[in-house]
Amino acid sequence: MKRSRLGLLGATLYKETDVYKAAMTAKALSFLLTTNLLPNGFNNPVLSAFTNAAMGCVTAAEVARALGSAIAVAEHRTGTPISEISVTAP
């Protein structure tokens, strides 16, 4: 997630240039957050995972923490690498 060109939306909450790691973060978020807070119409699973995580947080700092630690938390809870964790579509 990036801020706007004018900076009106605040600080950068998540910035990842490695597409694989961003996908694994989305996978971890989907695993950790089983409650769907999104309205109908979200078809992109990666966008859905990140948006759902943001909607479940109260502050921007909480969003940044959730996005930044999702892989580590999911791996810790399961005891397996994120690449081996199975996530089913809602």
N, C-alpha and C. Protein backbone atom coordinates (compact mmCIF):
# COMPACT_ATOMS: atom_id res chain seq x y z
N MET A 1 0.85 -1.16 0.00
CA MET A 1 0.00 0.00 0.00
C MET A 1 0.90 1.23 0.00
N LYS A 2 0.62 2.12 -0.90
CA LYS A 2 1.43 3.32 -1.01
C LYS A 2 0.59 4.55 -0.75
N ARG A 3 1.27 5.61 -0.38
CA ARG A 3 0.56 6.87 -0.20
C ARG A 3 0.35 7.52 -1.56
N SER A 4 -0.53 8.47 -1.60
CA SER A 4 -0.79 9.16 -2.86
C SER A 4 0.40 10.06 -3.21
N ARG A 5 0.42 10.54 -4.42
CA ARG A 5 1.50 11.44 -4.85
C ARG A 5 1.58 12.69 -3.98
N LEU A 6 0.45 13.15 -3.54
CA LEU A 6 0.41 14.36 -2.73
C LEU A 6 0.62 14.09 -1.25
N GLY A 7 0.63 12.84 -0.87
CA GLY A 7 0.83 12.50 0.53
C GLY A 7 -0.40 12.70 1.39
N LEU A 8 -1.55 12.84 0.78
CA LEU A 8 -2.77 13.11 1.54
C LEU A 8 -3.27 11.90 2.31
N LEU A 9 -2.85 10.70 1.90
CA LEU A 9 -3.35 9.50 2.55
C LEU A 9 -2.45 9.01 3.68
N GLY A 10 -1.39 9.72 3.95
CA GLY A 10 -0.53 9.35 5.07
C GLY A 10 0.63 8.48 4.68
N ALA A 11 1.17 7.78 5.68
CA ALA A 11 2.39 6.99 5.52
C ALA A 11 2.15 5.69 4.75
N THR A 12 3.22 5.14 4.22
CA THR A 12 3.17 3.84 3.55
C THR A 12 3.00 2.76 4.61
N LEU A 13 1.99 1.93 4.46
CA LEU A 13 1.71 0.90 5.45
C LEU A 13 2.37 -0.43 5.11
N TYR A 14 2.57 -0.67 3.82
CA TYR A 14 3.20 -1.92 3.38
C TYR A 14 3.80 -1.68 2.02
N LYS A 15 5.05 -2.06 1.86
CA LYS A 15 5.70 -1.92 0.55
C LYS A 15 6.56 -3.15 0.33
N GLU A 16 6.22 -3.91 -0.68
CA GLU A 16 6.94 -5.14 -0.99
C GLU A 16 7.17 -5.19 -2.49
N THR A 17 8.43 -5.33 -2.90
CA THR A 17 8.74 -5.41 -4.33
C THR A 17 8.78 -6.85 -4.84
N ASP A 18 8.90 -7.80 -3.94
CA ASP A 18 8.93 -9.22 -4.31
C ASP A 18 7.49 -9.73 -4.40
N VAL A 19 7.04 -10.02 -5.62
CA VAL A 19 5.65 -10.44 -5.85
C VAL A 19 5.33 -11.73 -5.09
N TYR A 20 6.28 -12.66 -5.05
CA TYR A 20 6.07 -13.92 -4.35
C TYR A 20 5.83 -13.68 -2.86
N LYS A 21 6.63 -12.80 -2.25
CA LYS A 21 6.44 -12.52 -0.82
C LYS A 21 5.10 -11.82 -0.56
N ALA A 22 4.71 -10.94 -1.46
CA ALA A 22 3.41 -10.27 -1.32
C ALA A 22 2.28 -11.29 -1.41
N ALA A 23 2.42 -12.26 -2.33
CA ALA A 23 1.41 -13.32 -2.45
C ALA A 23 1.37 -14.19 -1.21
N MET A 24 2.55 -14.48 -0.64
CA MET A 24 2.60 -15.29 0.58
C MET A 24 2.03 -14.52 1.77
N THR A 25 2.21 -13.21 1.78
CA THR A 25 1.60 -12.39 2.82
C THR A 25 0.09 -12.45 2.71
N ALA A 26 -0.43 -12.36 1.49
CA ALA A 26 -1.88 -12.47 1.27
C ALA A 26 -2.38 -13.84 1.72
N LYS A 27 -1.61 -14.88 1.43
CA LYS A 27 -1.98 -16.23 1.85
C LYS A 27 -2.03 -16.32 3.37
N ALA A 28 -1.04 -15.75 4.03
CA ALA A 28 -1.00 -15.76 5.49
C ALA A 28 -2.18 -14.98 6.07
N LEU A 29 -2.49 -13.83 5.48
CA LEU A 29 -3.63 -13.04 5.95
C LEU A 29 -4.93 -13.81 5.79
N SER A 30 -5.08 -14.51 4.68
CA SER A 30 -6.29 -15.31 4.46
C SER A 30 -6.40 -16.42 5.48
N PHE A 31 -5.27 -17.01 5.84
CA PHE A 31 -5.25 -18.07 6.84
C PHE A 31 -5.60 -17.52 8.22
N LEU A 32 -5.04 -16.38 8.57
CA LEU A 32 -5.21 -15.81 9.91
C LEU A 32 -6.57 -15.15 10.12
N LEU A 33 -7.11 -14.53 9.08
CA LEU A 33 -8.35 -13.76 9.22
C LEU A 33 -9.48 -14.49 8.52
N THR A 34 -10.20 -15.28 9.26
CA THR A 34 -11.25 -16.11 8.67
C THR A 34 -12.58 -15.36 8.52
N THR A 35 -12.74 -14.24 9.21
CA THR A 35 -13.97 -13.45 9.09
C THR A 35 -13.83 -12.48 7.92
N ASN A 36 -14.77 -12.54 7.00
CA ASN A 36 -14.75 -11.67 5.83
C ASN A 36 -15.50 -10.38 6.14
N LEU A 37 -14.78 -9.27 6.14
CA LEU A 37 -15.38 -7.96 6.42
C LEU A 37 -15.66 -7.16 5.15
N LEU A 38 -15.46 -7.77 4.00
CA LEU A 38 -15.58 -7.06 2.73
C LEU A 38 -16.99 -7.13 2.14
N PRO A 39 -17.37 -6.08 1.43
CA PRO A 39 -18.64 -6.15 0.70
C PRO A 39 -18.48 -7.06 -0.51
N ASN A 40 -19.58 -7.49 -1.08
CA ASN A 40 -19.53 -8.32 -2.29
C ASN A 40 -18.86 -7.54 -3.41
N GLY A 41 -18.19 -8.27 -4.29
CA GLY A 41 -17.58 -7.63 -5.43
C GLY A 41 -16.07 -7.69 -5.45
N PHE A 42 -15.45 -8.11 -4.35
CA PHE A 42 -14.00 -8.26 -4.33
C PHE A 42 -13.66 -9.60 -4.96
N ASN A 43 -13.06 -9.59 -6.15
CA ASN A 43 -12.76 -10.82 -6.86
C ASN A 43 -11.29 -11.20 -6.82
N ASN A 44 -10.40 -10.24 -6.58
CA ASN A 44 -8.97 -10.50 -6.54
C ASN A 44 -8.61 -11.01 -5.15
N PRO A 45 -8.12 -12.25 -5.03
CA PRO A 45 -7.85 -12.81 -3.70
C PRO A 45 -6.75 -12.07 -2.93
N VAL A 46 -5.75 -11.54 -3.63
CA VAL A 46 -4.68 -10.81 -2.94
C VAL A 46 -5.21 -9.47 -2.42
N LEU A 47 -5.90 -8.74 -3.26
CA LEU A 47 -6.50 -7.48 -2.84
C LEU A 47 -7.50 -7.71 -1.71
N SER A 48 -8.26 -8.78 -1.80
CA SER A 48 -9.24 -9.10 -0.75
C SER A 48 -8.56 -9.36 0.59
N ALA A 49 -7.47 -10.11 0.57
CA ALA A 49 -6.77 -10.43 1.82
C ALA A 49 -6.21 -9.18 2.48
N PHE A 50 -5.57 -8.32 1.69
CA PHE A 50 -4.99 -7.09 2.25
C PHE A 50 -6.08 -6.14 2.73
N THR A 51 -7.14 -5.98 1.95
CA THR A 51 -8.22 -5.08 2.33
C THR A 51 -8.96 -5.59 3.56
N ASN A 52 -9.21 -6.87 3.61
CA ASN A 52 -9.88 -7.46 4.76
C ASN A 52 -9.05 -7.25 6.03
N ALA A 53 -7.74 -7.41 5.91
CA ALA A 53 -6.86 -7.18 7.07
C ALA A 53 -6.95 -5.72 7.52
N ALA A 54 -6.93 -4.79 6.57
CA ALA A 54 -7.00 -3.38 6.92
C ALA A 54 -8.34 -3.03 7.56
N MET A 55 -9.41 -3.64 7.07
CA MET A 55 -10.74 -3.35 7.62
C MET A 55 -10.89 -3.87 9.05
N GLY A 56 -10.10 -4.87 9.39
CA GLY A 56 -10.18 -5.43 10.74
C GLY A 56 -9.32 -4.72 11.76
N CYS A 57 -8.60 -3.69 11.33
CA CYS A 57 -7.71 -2.94 12.23
C CYS A 57 -8.31 -1.58 12.56
N VAL A 58 -7.91 -1.06 13.72
CA VAL A 58 -8.44 0.22 14.18
C VAL A 58 -7.53 1.38 13.77
N THR A 59 -6.22 1.17 13.79
CA THR A 59 -5.28 2.24 13.48
C THR A 59 -4.37 1.85 12.32
N ALA A 60 -3.74 2.85 11.74
CA ALA A 60 -2.79 2.60 10.66
C ALA A 60 -1.60 1.80 11.17
N ALA A 61 -1.18 2.06 12.39
CA ALA A 61 -0.07 1.30 12.97
C ALA A 61 -0.43 -0.18 13.11
N GLU A 62 -1.65 -0.45 13.47
CA GLU A 62 -2.12 -1.83 13.59
C GLU A 62 -2.14 -2.52 12.22
N VAL A 63 -2.53 -1.78 11.19
CA VAL A 63 -2.52 -2.33 9.83
C VAL A 63 -1.09 -2.67 9.42
N ALA A 64 -0.17 -1.75 9.64
CA ALA A 64 1.23 -1.98 9.28
C ALA A 64 1.80 -3.19 10.01
N ARG A 65 1.48 -3.32 11.28
CA ARG A 65 1.94 -4.47 12.07
C ARG A 65 1.35 -5.76 11.54
N ALA A 66 0.06 -5.77 11.26
CA ALA A 66 -0.62 -6.97 10.76
C ALA A 66 -0.05 -7.43 9.43
N LEU A 67 0.17 -6.50 8.53
CA LEU A 67 0.69 -6.84 7.21
C LEU A 67 2.15 -7.28 7.29
N GLY A 68 2.92 -6.61 8.12
CA GLY A 68 4.34 -6.92 8.24
C GLY A 68 4.65 -8.22 8.95
N SER A 69 3.76 -8.66 9.82
CA SER A 69 4.04 -9.86 10.61
C SER A 69 3.19 -11.07 10.22
N ALA A 70 2.37 -10.95 9.20
CA ALA A 70 1.42 -12.01 8.86
C ALA A 70 2.09 -13.35 8.59
N ILE A 71 3.16 -13.36 7.81
CA ILE A 71 3.83 -14.62 7.48
C ILE A 71 4.40 -15.27 8.74
N ALA A 72 5.10 -14.49 9.54
CA ALA A 72 5.71 -15.03 10.76
C ALA A 72 4.65 -15.58 11.73
N VAL A 73 3.55 -14.87 11.87
CA VAL A 73 2.49 -15.32 12.78
C VAL A 73 1.85 -16.61 12.27
N ALA A 74 1.57 -16.68 10.98
CA ALA A 74 0.96 -17.89 10.42
C ALA A 74 1.90 -19.09 10.56
N GLU A 75 3.18 -18.87 10.28
CA GLU A 75 4.16 -19.96 10.42
C GLU A 75 4.31 -20.40 11.87
N HIS A 76 4.27 -19.45 12.78
CA HIS A 76 4.37 -19.77 14.21
C HIS A 76 3.16 -20.58 14.68
N ARG A 77 1.97 -20.17 14.24
CA ARG A 77 0.75 -20.88 14.67
C ARG A 77 0.68 -22.31 14.14
N THR A 78 1.19 -22.51 12.93
CA THR A 78 1.08 -23.84 12.33
C THR A 78 2.35 -24.69 12.51
N GLY A 79 3.47 -24.03 12.73
CA GLY A 79 4.73 -24.75 12.83
C GLY A 79 5.25 -25.22 11.49
N THR A 80 4.71 -24.68 10.42
CA THR A 80 5.15 -25.03 9.07
C THR A 80 5.43 -23.77 8.25
N PRO A 81 6.24 -23.89 7.22
CA PRO A 81 6.50 -22.72 6.35
C PRO A 81 5.21 -22.29 5.64
N ILE A 82 5.14 -21.00 5.33
CA ILE A 82 3.95 -20.46 4.68
C ILE A 82 3.66 -21.16 3.36
N SER A 83 4.69 -21.60 2.66
CA SER A 83 4.49 -22.27 1.37
C SER A 83 3.74 -23.60 1.51
N GLU A 84 3.73 -24.17 2.71
CA GLU A 84 3.06 -25.45 2.93
C GLU A 84 1.69 -25.31 3.59
N ILE A 85 1.31 -24.10 3.96
CA ILE A 85 0.01 -23.87 4.60
C ILE A 85 -1.07 -23.84 3.53
N SER A 86 -2.15 -24.57 3.77
CA SER A 86 -3.24 -24.64 2.81
C SER A 86 -4.33 -23.65 3.20
N VAL A 87 -4.76 -22.87 2.23
CA VAL A 87 -5.83 -21.90 2.44
C VAL A 87 -6.90 -22.15 1.38
N THR A 88 -8.15 -22.23 1.81
CA THR A 88 -9.25 -22.43 0.86
C THR A 88 -9.97 -21.12 0.63
N ALA A 89 -10.51 -20.95 -0.52
CA ALA A 89 -11.25 -19.73 -0.85
C ALA A 89 -12.55 -19.70 -0.05
N PRO A 90 -12.98 -18.48 0.35
CA PRO A 90 -14.22 -18.36 1.13
C PRO A 90 -15.44 -18.75 0.35
